[in-house]
Amino acid sequence: MSGIGVIATLRVQPGKEEAFEGVFAELAAAVRANEAGNSYYKLFRAAEAGVYKVMECYDDEAAVEAHRASDHFRTLGAKLGPCLAGAPQIETLSAA
């Protein structure tokens, strides 16, 4: 089985959770509508306040690069930035 998994950990500034979740919902819809190489893209709240995890699955490295280069990722990602309390922590996994 091939594929690439990504877990992104995002820390959101206190009071900005609702704005973050709203913009992320737009981003997730755009990913699902426009990225054939992505099979899963979902936001989860961690137990720790203000911490979110994004779980992502891609067919291959080209699909990951297409995601990062997409207009919707660049545009909506820029809107997420002011909500964040630091840079995202990205963990990349290979399918077993």
PDB file of N, CA and C in Angstrom:
ATOM      1  N   MET A   1       0.854  -1.184   0.000  1.00  0.00           N
ATOM      2  CA  MET A   1       0.000   0.000   0.000  1.00  0.00           C
ATOM      3  C   MET A   1       0.899   1.246   0.000  1.00  0.00           C
ATOM      4  N   SER A   2       0.613   2.150  -0.879  1.00  0.00           N
ATOM      5  CA  SER A   2       1.382   3.386  -0.899  1.00  0.00           C
ATOM      6  C   SER A   2       0.532   4.500  -0.309  1.00  0.00           C
ATOM      7  N   GLY A   3       1.146   5.609  -0.110  1.00  0.00           N
ATOM      8  CA  GLY A   3       0.427   6.759   0.410  1.00  0.00           C
ATOM      9  C   GLY A   3       1.251   7.483   1.458  1.00  0.00           C
ATOM     10  N   ILE A   4       0.847   8.707   1.700  1.00  0.00           N
ATOM     11  CA  ILE A   4       1.531   9.558   2.669  1.00  0.00           C
ATOM     12  C   ILE A   4       0.494  10.117   3.630  1.00  0.00           C
ATOM     13  N   GLY A   5       0.779   9.988   4.911  1.00  0.00           N
ATOM     14  CA  GLY A   5      -0.058  10.577   5.939  1.00  0.00           C
ATOM     15  C   GLY A   5       0.632  11.787   6.524  1.00  0.00           C
ATOM     16  N   VAL A   6      -0.135  12.784   6.873  1.00  0.00           N
ATOM     17  CA  VAL A   6       0.394  13.987   7.508  1.00  0.00           C
ATOM     18  C   VAL A   6      -0.462  14.281   8.719  1.00  0.00           C
ATOM     19  N   ILE A   7       0.197  14.571   9.835  1.00  0.00           N
ATOM     20  CA  ILE A   7      -0.495  15.060  11.026  1.00  0.00           C
ATOM     21  C   ILE A   7       0.103  16.430  11.326  1.00  0.00           C
ATOM     22  N   ALA A   8      -0.733  17.449  11.225  1.00  0.00           N
ATOM     23  CA  ALA A   8      -0.303  18.814  11.518  1.00  0.00           C
ATOM     24  C   ALA A   8      -0.890  19.220  12.864  1.00  0.00           C
ATOM     25  N   THR A   9      -0.028  19.655  13.776  1.00  0.00           N
ATOM     26  CA  THR A   9      -0.482  20.142  15.081  1.00  0.00           C
ATOM     27  C   THR A   9      -0.453  21.669  15.043  1.00  0.00           C
ATOM     28  N   LEU A  10      -1.595  22.272  15.334  1.00  0.00           N
ATOM     29  CA  LEU A  10      -1.742  23.716  15.266  1.00  0.00           C
ATOM     30  C   LEU A  10      -2.175  24.242  16.628  1.00  0.00           C
ATOM     31  N   ARG A  11      -1.491  25.256  17.099  1.00  0.00           N
ATOM     32  CA  ARG A  11      -1.853  25.905  18.362  1.00  0.00           C
ATOM     33  C   ARG A  11      -2.509  27.237  18.017  1.00  0.00           C
ATOM     34  N   VAL A  12      -3.717  27.427  18.555  1.00  0.00           N
ATOM     35  CA  VAL A  12      -4.521  28.606  18.247  1.00  0.00           C
ATOM     36  C   VAL A  12      -4.524  29.546  19.440  1.00  0.00           C
ATOM     37  N   GLN A  13      -4.431  30.839  19.149  1.00  0.00           N
ATOM     38  CA  GLN A  13      -4.448  31.846  20.207  1.00  0.00           C
ATOM     39  C   GLN A  13      -5.795  31.814  20.943  1.00  0.00           C
ATOM     40  N   PRO A  14      -5.770  32.033  22.253  1.00  0.00           N
ATOM     41  CA  PRO A  14      -7.023  32.068  23.024  1.00  0.00           C
ATOM     42  C   PRO A  14      -8.003  33.075  22.430  1.00  0.00           C
ATOM     43  N   GLY A  15      -9.257  32.655  22.307  1.00  0.00           N
ATOM     44  CA  GLY A  15     -10.290  33.526  21.774  1.00  0.00           C
ATOM     45  C   GLY A  15     -10.417  33.497  20.257  1.00  0.00           C
ATOM     46  N   LYS A  16      -9.503  32.827  19.578  1.00  0.00           N
ATOM     47  CA  LYS A  16      -9.531  32.797  18.103  1.00  0.00           C
ATOM     48  C   LYS A  16      -9.991  31.438  17.565  1.00  0.00           C
ATOM     49  N   GLU A  17     -10.433  30.561  18.457  1.00  0.00           N
ATOM     50  CA  GLU A  17     -10.815  29.208  18.037  1.00  0.00           C
ATOM     51  C   GLU A  17     -11.960  29.214  17.026  1.00  0.00           C
ATOM     52  N   GLU A  18     -12.985  30.019  17.270  1.00  0.00           N
ATOM     53  CA  GLU A  18     -14.141  30.037  16.373  1.00  0.00           C
ATOM     54  C   GLU A  18     -13.748  30.527  14.985  1.00  0.00           C
ATOM     55  N   ALA A  19     -12.959  31.583  14.914  1.00  0.00           N
ATOM     56  CA  ALA A  19     -12.492  32.102  13.620  1.00  0.00           C
ATOM     57  C   ALA A  19     -11.639  31.055  12.909  1.00  0.00           C
ATOM     58  N   PHE A  20     -10.754  30.407  13.639  1.00  0.00           N
ATOM     59  CA  PHE A  20      -9.895  29.360  13.070  1.00  0.00           C
ATOM     60  C   PHE A  20     -10.736  28.232  12.491  1.00  0.00           C
ATOM     61  N   GLU A  21     -11.702  27.747  13.263  1.00  0.00           N
ATOM     62  CA  GLU A  21     -12.525  26.634  12.808  1.00  0.00           C
ATOM     63  C   GLU A  21     -13.338  27.017  11.569  1.00  0.00           C
ATOM     64  N   GLY A  22     -13.804  28.248  11.509  1.00  0.00           N
ATOM     65  CA  GLY A  22     -14.574  28.705  10.344  1.00  0.00           C
ATOM     66  C   GLY A  22     -13.744  28.714   9.080  1.00  0.00           C
ATOM     67  N   VAL A  23     -12.538  29.276   9.152  1.00  0.00           N
ATOM     68  CA  VAL A  23     -11.660  29.314   7.981  1.00  0.00           C
ATOM     69  C   VAL A  23     -11.217  27.900   7.622  1.00  0.00           C
ATOM     70  N   PHE A  24     -10.942  27.074   8.621  1.00  0.00           N
ATOM     71  CA  PHE A  24     -10.507  25.705   8.325  1.00  0.00           C
ATOM     72  C   PHE A  24     -11.615  24.936   7.597  1.00  0.00           C
ATOM     73  N   ALA A  25     -12.871  25.158   7.971  1.00  0.00           N
ATOM     74  CA  ALA A  25     -13.982  24.483   7.291  1.00  0.00           C
ATOM     75  C   ALA A  25     -13.990  24.835   5.804  1.00  0.00           C
ATOM     76  N   GLU A  26     -13.706  26.098   5.470  1.00  0.00           N
ATOM     77  CA  GLU A  26     -13.600  26.513   4.060  1.00  0.00           C
ATOM     78  C   GLU A  26     -12.451  25.784   3.376  1.00  0.00           C
ATOM     79  N   LEU A  27     -11.314  25.703   4.058  1.00  0.00           N
ATOM     80  CA  LEU A  27     -10.142  25.046   3.494  1.00  0.00           C
ATOM     81  C   LEU A  27     -10.416  23.566   3.256  1.00  0.00           C
ATOM     82  N   ALA A  28     -11.005  22.896   4.220  1.00  0.00           N
ATOM     83  CA  ALA A  28     -11.286  21.462   4.075  1.00  0.00           C
ATOM     84  C   ALA A  28     -12.226  21.215   2.895  1.00  0.00           C
ATOM     85  N   ALA A  29     -13.236  22.053   2.728  1.00  0.00           N
ATOM     86  CA  ALA A  29     -14.164  21.902   1.601  1.00  0.00           C
ATOM     87  C   ALA A  29     -13.436  22.095   0.274  1.00  0.00           C
ATOM     88  N   ALA A  30     -12.529  23.067   0.225  1.00  0.00           N
ATOM     89  CA  ALA A  30     -11.770  23.318  -1.003  1.00  0.00           C
ATOM     90  C   ALA A  30     -10.825  22.158  -1.319  1.00  0.00           C
ATOM     91  N   VAL A  31     -10.209  21.586  -0.295  1.00  0.00           N
ATOM     92  CA  VAL A  31      -9.328  20.431  -0.502  1.00  0.00           C
ATOM     93  C   VAL A  31     -10.130  19.276  -1.082  1.00  0.00           C
ATOM     94  N   ARG A  32     -11.277  18.986  -0.475  1.00  0.00           N
ATOM     95  CA  ARG A  32     -12.098  17.862  -0.945  1.00  0.00           C
ATOM     96  C   ARG A  32     -12.584  18.085  -2.383  1.00  0.00           C
ATOM     97  N   ALA A  33     -12.901  19.318  -2.724  1.00  0.00           N
ATOM     98  CA  ALA A  33     -13.445  19.624  -4.049  1.00  0.00           C
ATOM     99  C   ALA A  33     -12.383  19.674  -5.148  1.00  0.00           C
ATOM    100  N   ASN A  34     -11.144  19.998  -4.784  1.00  0.00           N
ATOM    101  CA  ASN A  34     -10.138  20.300  -5.802  1.00  0.00           C
ATOM    102  C   ASN A  34      -8.902  19.408  -5.830  1.00  0.00           C
ATOM    103  N   GLU A  35      -8.741  18.522  -4.856  1.00  0.00           N
ATOM    104  CA  GLU A  35      -7.510  17.739  -4.785  1.00  0.00           C
ATOM    105  C   GLU A  35      -7.805  16.242  -4.907  1.00  0.00           C
ATOM    106  N   ALA A  36      -7.703  15.742  -6.129  1.00  0.00           N
ATOM    107  CA  ALA A  36      -7.976  14.322  -6.379  1.00  0.00           C
ATOM    108  C   ALA A  36      -6.997  13.414  -5.630  1.00  0.00           C
ATOM    109  N   GLY A  37      -5.783  13.894  -5.373  1.00  0.00           N
ATOM    110  CA  GLY A  37      -4.762  13.086  -4.699  1.00  0.00           C
ATOM    111  C   GLY A  37      -4.877  13.063  -3.185  1.00  0.00           C
ATOM    112  N   ASN A  38      -5.883  13.758  -2.646  1.00  0.00           N
ATOM    113  CA  ASN A  38      -6.111  13.762  -1.198  1.00  0.00           C
ATOM    114  C   ASN A  38      -7.339  12.919  -0.902  1.00  0.00           C
ATOM    115  N   SER A  39      -7.197  11.944   0.002  1.00  0.00           N
ATOM    116  CA  SER A  39      -8.330  11.084   0.339  1.00  0.00           C
ATOM    117  C   SER A  39      -8.910  11.371   1.726  1.00  0.00           C
ATOM    118  N   TYR A  40      -8.215  12.180   2.537  1.00  0.00           N
ATOM    119  CA  TYR A  40      -8.706  12.474   3.887  1.00  0.00           C
ATOM    120  C   TYR A  40      -8.090  13.777   4.359  1.00  0.00           C
ATOM    121  N   TYR A  41      -8.916  14.671   4.883  1.00  0.00           N
ATOM    122  CA  TYR A  41      -8.437  15.967   5.369  1.00  0.00           C
ATOM    123  C   TYR A  41      -9.435  16.421   6.422  1.00  0.00           C
ATOM    124  N   LYS A  42      -9.096  16.242   7.692  1.00  0.00           N
ATOM    125  CA  LYS A  42     -10.063  16.509   8.755  1.00  0.00           C
ATOM    126  C   LYS A  42      -9.393  17.139   9.966  1.00  0.00           C
ATOM    127  N   LEU A  43     -10.092  18.078  10.574  1.00  0.00           N
ATOM    128  CA  LEU A  43      -9.621  18.793  11.756  1.00  0.00           C
ATOM    129  C   LEU A  43     -10.166  18.125  13.016  1.00  0.00           C
ATOM    130  N   PHE A  44      -9.303  17.969  14.008  1.00  0.00           N
ATOM    131  CA  PHE A  44      -9.690  17.415  15.307  1.00  0.00           C
ATOM    132  C   PHE A  44      -9.222  18.353  16.408  1.00  0.00           C
ATOM    133  N   ARG A  45     -10.009  18.463  17.483  1.00  0.00           N
ATOM    134  CA  ARG A  45      -9.591  19.207  18.672  1.00  0.00           C
ATOM    135  C   ARG A  45      -8.853  18.255  19.593  1.00  0.00           C
ATOM    136  N   ALA A  46      -7.700  18.670  20.082  1.00  0.00           N
ATOM    137  CA  ALA A  46      -6.954  17.880  21.062  1.00  0.00           C
ATOM    138  C   ALA A  46      -7.534  18.139  22.453  1.00  0.00           C
ATOM    139  N   ALA A  47      -7.133  17.321  23.417  1.00  0.00           N
ATOM    140  CA  ALA A  47      -7.599  17.497  24.790  1.00  0.00           C
ATOM    141  C   ALA A  47      -7.108  18.824  25.377  1.00  0.00           C
ATOM    142  N   GLU A  48      -5.920  19.240  24.969  1.00  0.00           N
ATOM    143  CA  GLU A  48      -5.340  20.498  25.449  1.00  0.00           C
ATOM    144  C   GLU A  48      -6.046  21.677  24.779  1.00  0.00           C
ATOM    145  N   ALA A  49      -6.483  22.651  25.557  1.00  0.00           N
ATOM    146  CA  ALA A  49      -7.199  23.815  25.026  1.00  0.00           C
ATOM    147  C   ALA A  49      -6.373  24.529  23.960  1.00  0.00           C
ATOM    148  N   GLY A  50      -7.022  24.883  22.869  1.00  0.00           N
ATOM    149  CA  GLY A  50      -6.368  25.642  21.819  1.00  0.00           C
ATOM    150  C   GLY A  50      -5.477  24.833  20.897  1.00  0.00           C
ATOM    151  N   VAL A  51      -5.450  23.523  21.063  1.00  0.00           N
ATOM    152  CA  VAL A  51      -4.608  22.677  20.216  1.00  0.00           C
ATOM    153  C   VAL A  51      -5.500  21.859  19.285  1.00  0.00           C
ATOM    154  N   TYR A  52      -5.148  21.902  18.012  1.00  0.00           N
ATOM    155  CA  TYR A  52      -5.878  21.167  16.983  1.00  0.00           C
ATOM    156  C   TYR A  52      -4.905  20.277  16.225  1.00  0.00           C
ATOM    157  N   LYS A  53      -5.440  19.198  15.673  1.00  0.00           N
ATOM    158  CA  LYS A  53      -4.649  18.306  14.819  1.00  0.00           C
ATOM    159  C   LYS A  53      -5.411  18.137  13.518  1.00  0.00           C
ATOM    160  N   VAL A  54      -4.673  18.238  12.425  1.00  0.00           N
ATOM    161  CA  VAL A  54      -5.228  17.990  11.106  1.00  0.00           C
ATOM    162  C   VAL A  54      -4.653  16.657  10.639  1.00  0.00           C
ATOM    163  N   MET A  55      -5.540  15.732  10.287  1.00  0.00           N
ATOM    164  CA  MET A  55      -5.109  14.448   9.750  1.00  0.00           C
ATOM    165  C   MET A  55      -5.365  14.473   8.252  1.00  0.00           C
ATOM    166  N   GLU A  56      -4.307  14.134   7.493  1.00  0.00           N
ATOM    167  CA  GLU A  56      -4.364  14.231   6.042  1.00  0.00           C
ATOM    168  C   GLU A  56      -3.805  12.952   5.423  1.00  0.00           C
ATOM    169  N   CYS A  57      -4.404  12.511   4.312  1.00  0.00           N
ATOM    170  CA  CYS A  57      -3.895  11.357   3.563  1.00  0.00           C
ATOM    171  C   CYS A  57      -3.785  11.735   2.091  1.00  0.00           C
ATOM    172  N   TYR A  58      -2.625  11.444   1.521  1.00  0.00           N
ATOM    173  CA  TYR A  58      -2.354  11.751   0.120  1.00  0.00           C
ATOM    174  C   TYR A  58      -1.893  10.494  -0.612  1.00  0.00           C
ATOM    175  N   ASP A  59      -2.154  10.464  -1.917  1.00  0.00           N
ATOM    176  CA  ASP A  59      -1.749   9.319  -2.735  1.00  0.00           C
ATOM    177  C   ASP A  59      -0.231   9.193  -2.829  1.00  0.00           C
ATOM    178  N   ASP A  60       0.456  10.338  -2.960  1.00  0.00           N
ATOM    179  CA  ASP A  60       1.901  10.330  -3.166  1.00  0.00           C
ATOM    180  C   ASP A  60       2.471  11.726  -2.884  1.00  0.00           C
ATOM    181  N   GLU A  61       3.777  11.842  -3.043  1.00  0.00           N
ATOM    182  CA  GLU A  61       4.456  13.120  -2.771  1.00  0.00           C
ATOM    183  C   GLU A  61       3.960  14.222  -3.705  1.00  0.00           C
ATOM    184  N   ALA A  62       3.635  13.870  -4.938  1.00  0.00           N
ATOM    185  CA  ALA A  62       3.121  14.864  -5.887  1.00  0.00           C
ATOM    186  C   ALA A  62       1.805  15.462  -5.387  1.00  0.00           C
ATOM    187  N   ALA A  63       0.971  14.639  -4.770  1.00  0.00           N
ATOM    188  CA  ALA A  63      -0.303  15.134  -4.228  1.00  0.00           C
ATOM    189  C   ALA A  63      -0.068  16.066  -3.038  1.00  0.00           C
ATOM    190  N   VAL A  64       0.941  15.756  -2.219  1.00  0.00           N
ATOM    191  CA  VAL A  64       1.294  16.633  -1.094  1.00  0.00           C
ATOM    192  C   VAL A  64       1.757  17.983  -1.632  1.00  0.00           C
ATOM    193  N   GLU A  65       2.622  17.947  -2.646  1.00  0.00           N
ATOM    194  CA  GLU A  65       3.129  19.194  -3.233  1.00  0.00           C
ATOM    195  C   GLU A  65       2.007  19.989  -3.894  1.00  0.00           C
ATOM    196  N   ALA A  66       1.077  19.290  -4.567  1.00  0.00           N
ATOM    197  CA  ALA A  66      -0.061  19.971  -5.197  1.00  0.00           C
ATOM    198  C   ALA A  66      -0.908  20.672  -4.135  1.00  0.00           C
ATOM    199  N   HIS A  67      -1.065  20.033  -2.976  1.00  0.00           N
ATOM    200  CA  HIS A  67      -1.820  20.643  -1.879  1.00  0.00           C
ATOM    201  C   HIS A  67      -1.130  21.927  -1.422  1.00  0.00           C
ATOM    202  N   ARG A  68       0.149  21.835  -1.170  1.00  0.00           N
ATOM    203  CA  ARG A  68       0.889  23.010  -0.663  1.00  0.00           C
ATOM    204  C   ARG A  68       0.937  24.154  -1.666  1.00  0.00           C
ATOM    205  N   ALA A  69       0.906  23.830  -2.955  1.00  0.00           N
ATOM    206  CA  ALA A  69       1.000  24.852  -3.999  1.00  0.00           C
ATOM    207  C   ALA A  69      -0.354  25.395  -4.427  1.00  0.00           C
ATOM    208  N   SER A  70      -1.447  24.791  -3.955  1.00  0.00           N
ATOM    209  CA  SER A  70      -2.780  25.174  -4.417  1.00  0.00           C
ATOM    210  C   SER A  70      -3.144  26.597  -3.981  1.00  0.00           C
ATOM    211  N   ASP A  71      -3.950  27.243  -4.827  1.00  0.00           N
ATOM    212  CA  ASP A  71      -4.411  28.599  -4.506  1.00  0.00           C
ATOM    213  C   ASP A  71      -5.228  28.615  -3.223  1.00  0.00           C
ATOM    214  N   HIS A  72      -6.091  27.611  -3.044  1.00  0.00           N
ATOM    215  CA  HIS A  72      -6.933  27.612  -1.840  1.00  0.00           C
ATOM    216  C   HIS A  72      -6.092  27.432  -0.574  1.00  0.00           C
ATOM    217  N   PHE A  73      -5.045  26.617  -0.639  1.00  0.00           N
ATOM    218  CA  PHE A  73      -4.193  26.442   0.545  1.00  0.00           C
ATOM    219  C   PHE A  73      -3.450  27.737   0.861  1.00  0.00           C
ATOM    220  N   ARG A  74      -2.928  28.371  -0.171  1.00  0.00           N
ATOM    221  CA  ARG A  74      -2.192  29.627   0.045  1.00  0.00           C
ATOM    222  C   ARG A  74      -3.117  30.736   0.558  1.00  0.00           C
ATOM    223  N   THR A  75      -4.276  30.885  -0.055  1.00  0.00           N
ATOM    224  CA  THR A  75      -5.205  31.960   0.313  1.00  0.00           C
ATOM    225  C   THR A  75      -5.807  31.737   1.696  1.00  0.00           C
ATOM    226  N   LEU A  76      -6.368  30.550   1.918  1.00  0.00           N
ATOM    227  CA  LEU A  76      -7.019  30.285   3.203  1.00  0.00           C
ATOM    228  C   LEU A  76      -5.989  30.055   4.304  1.00  0.00           C
ATOM    229  N   GLY A  77      -4.842  29.487   3.966  1.00  0.00           N
ATOM    230  CA  GLY A  77      -3.765  29.329   4.943  1.00  0.00           C
ATOM    231  C   GLY A  77      -3.316  30.681   5.489  1.00  0.00           C
ATOM    232  N   ALA A  78      -3.286  31.687   4.605  1.00  0.00           N
ATOM    233  CA  ALA A  78      -2.919  33.039   5.039  1.00  0.00           C
ATOM    234  C   ALA A  78      -3.953  33.592   6.025  1.00  0.00           C
ATOM    235  N   LYS A  79      -5.225  33.208   5.846  1.00  0.00           N
ATOM    236  CA  LYS A  79      -6.272  33.665   6.771  1.00  0.00           C
ATOM    237  C   LYS A  79      -6.172  32.949   8.122  1.00  0.00           C
ATOM    238  N   LEU A  80      -5.628  31.732   8.117  1.00  0.00           N
ATOM    239  CA  LEU A  80      -5.455  30.994   9.373  1.00  0.00           C
ATOM    240  C   LEU A  80      -4.318  31.583  10.209  1.00  0.00           C
ATOM    241  N   GLY A  81      -3.309  32.099   9.541  1.00  0.00           N
ATOM    242  CA  GLY A  81      -2.099  32.589  10.205  1.00  0.00           C
ATOM    243  C   GLY A  81      -2.339  33.474  11.416  1.00  0.00           C
ATOM    244  N   PRO A  82      -3.192  34.507  11.318  1.00  0.00           N
ATOM    245  CA  PRO A  82      -3.417  35.396  12.457  1.00  0.00           C
ATOM    246  C   PRO A  82      -4.059  34.711  13.663  1.00  0.00           C
ATOM    247  N   CYS A  83      -4.642  33.532  13.455  1.00  0.00           N
ATOM    248  CA  CYS A  83      -5.262  32.789  14.552  1.00  0.00           C
ATOM    249  C   CYS A  83      -4.245  31.932  15.310  1.00  0.00           C
ATOM    250  N   LEU A  84      -3.112  31.663  14.682  1.00  0.00           N
ATOM    251  CA  LEU A  84      -2.158  30.708  15.246  1.00  0.00           C
ATOM    252  C   LEU A  84      -1.229  31.333  16.274  1.00  0.00           C
ATOM    253  N   ALA A  85      -0.814  30.495  17.221  1.00  0.00           N
ATOM    254  CA  ALA A  85       0.133  30.912  18.261  1.00  0.00           C
ATOM    255  C   ALA A  85       1.466  30.212  17.993  1.00  0.00           C
ATOM    256  N   GLY A  86       1.990  30.390  16.795  1.00  0.00           N
ATOM    257  CA  GLY A  86       3.257  29.755  16.431  1.00  0.00           C
ATOM    258  C   GLY A  86       3.120  28.938  15.161  1.00  0.00           C
ATOM    259  N   ALA A  87       4.243  28.453  14.675  1.00  0.00           N
ATOM    260  CA  ALA A  87       4.275  27.682  13.446  1.00  0.00           C
ATOM    261  C   ALA A  87       3.673  26.295  13.673  1.00  0.00           C
ATOM    262  N   PRO A  88       2.989  25.752  12.660  1.00  0.00           N
ATOM    263  CA  PRO A  88       2.465  24.388  12.778  1.00  0.00           C
ATOM    264  C   PRO A  88       3.590  23.378  12.929  1.00  0.00           C
ATOM    265  N   GLN A  89       3.319  22.314  13.642  1.00  0.00           N
ATOM    266  CA  GLN A  89       4.259  21.191  13.757  1.00  0.00           C
ATOM    267  C   GLN A  89       3.733  20.115  12.809  1.00  0.00           C
ATOM    268  N   ILE A  90       4.561  19.711  11.852  1.00  0.00           N
ATOM    269  CA  ILE A  90       4.144  18.757  10.807  1.00  0.00           C
ATOM    270  C   ILE A  90       4.871  17.430  10.991  1.00  0.00           C
ATOM    271  N   GLU A  91       4.101  16.359  11.021  1.00  0.00           N
ATOM    272  CA  GLU A  91       4.657  15.009  11.079  1.00  0.00           C
ATOM    273  C   GLU A  91       4.207  14.284   9.812  1.00  0.00           C
ATOM    274  N   THR A  92       5.172  13.730   9.060  1.00  0.00           N
ATOM    275  CA  THR A  92       4.877  13.027   7.823  1.00  0.00           C
ATOM    276  C   THR A  92       5.093  11.531   8.042  1.00  0.00           C
ATOM    277  N   LEU A  93       4.122  10.739   7.578  1.00  0.00           N
ATOM    278  CA  LEU A  93       4.141   9.285   7.781  1.00  0.00           C
ATOM    279  C   LEU A  93       4.034   8.573   6.445  1.00  0.00           C
ATOM    280  N   SER A  94       4.625   7.390   6.346  1.00  0.00           N
ATOM    281  CA  SER A  94       4.510   6.541   5.158  1.00  0.00           C
ATOM    282  C   SER A  94       3.545   5.416   5.457  1.00  0.00           C
ATOM    283  N   ALA A  95       2.698   5.105   4.476  1.00  0.00           N
ATOM    284  CA  ALA A  95       1.750   3.992   4.650  1.00  0.00           C
ATOM    285  C   ALA A  95       2.509   2.685   4.765  1.00  0.00           C
ATOM    286  N   ALA A  96       2.034   1.803   5.624  1.00  0.00           N
ATOM    287  CA  ALA A  96       2.674   0.498   5.830  1.00  0.00           C
ATOM    288  C   ALA A  96       2.113  -0.512   4.855  1.00  0.00           C
TER     289      ALA A  96
END
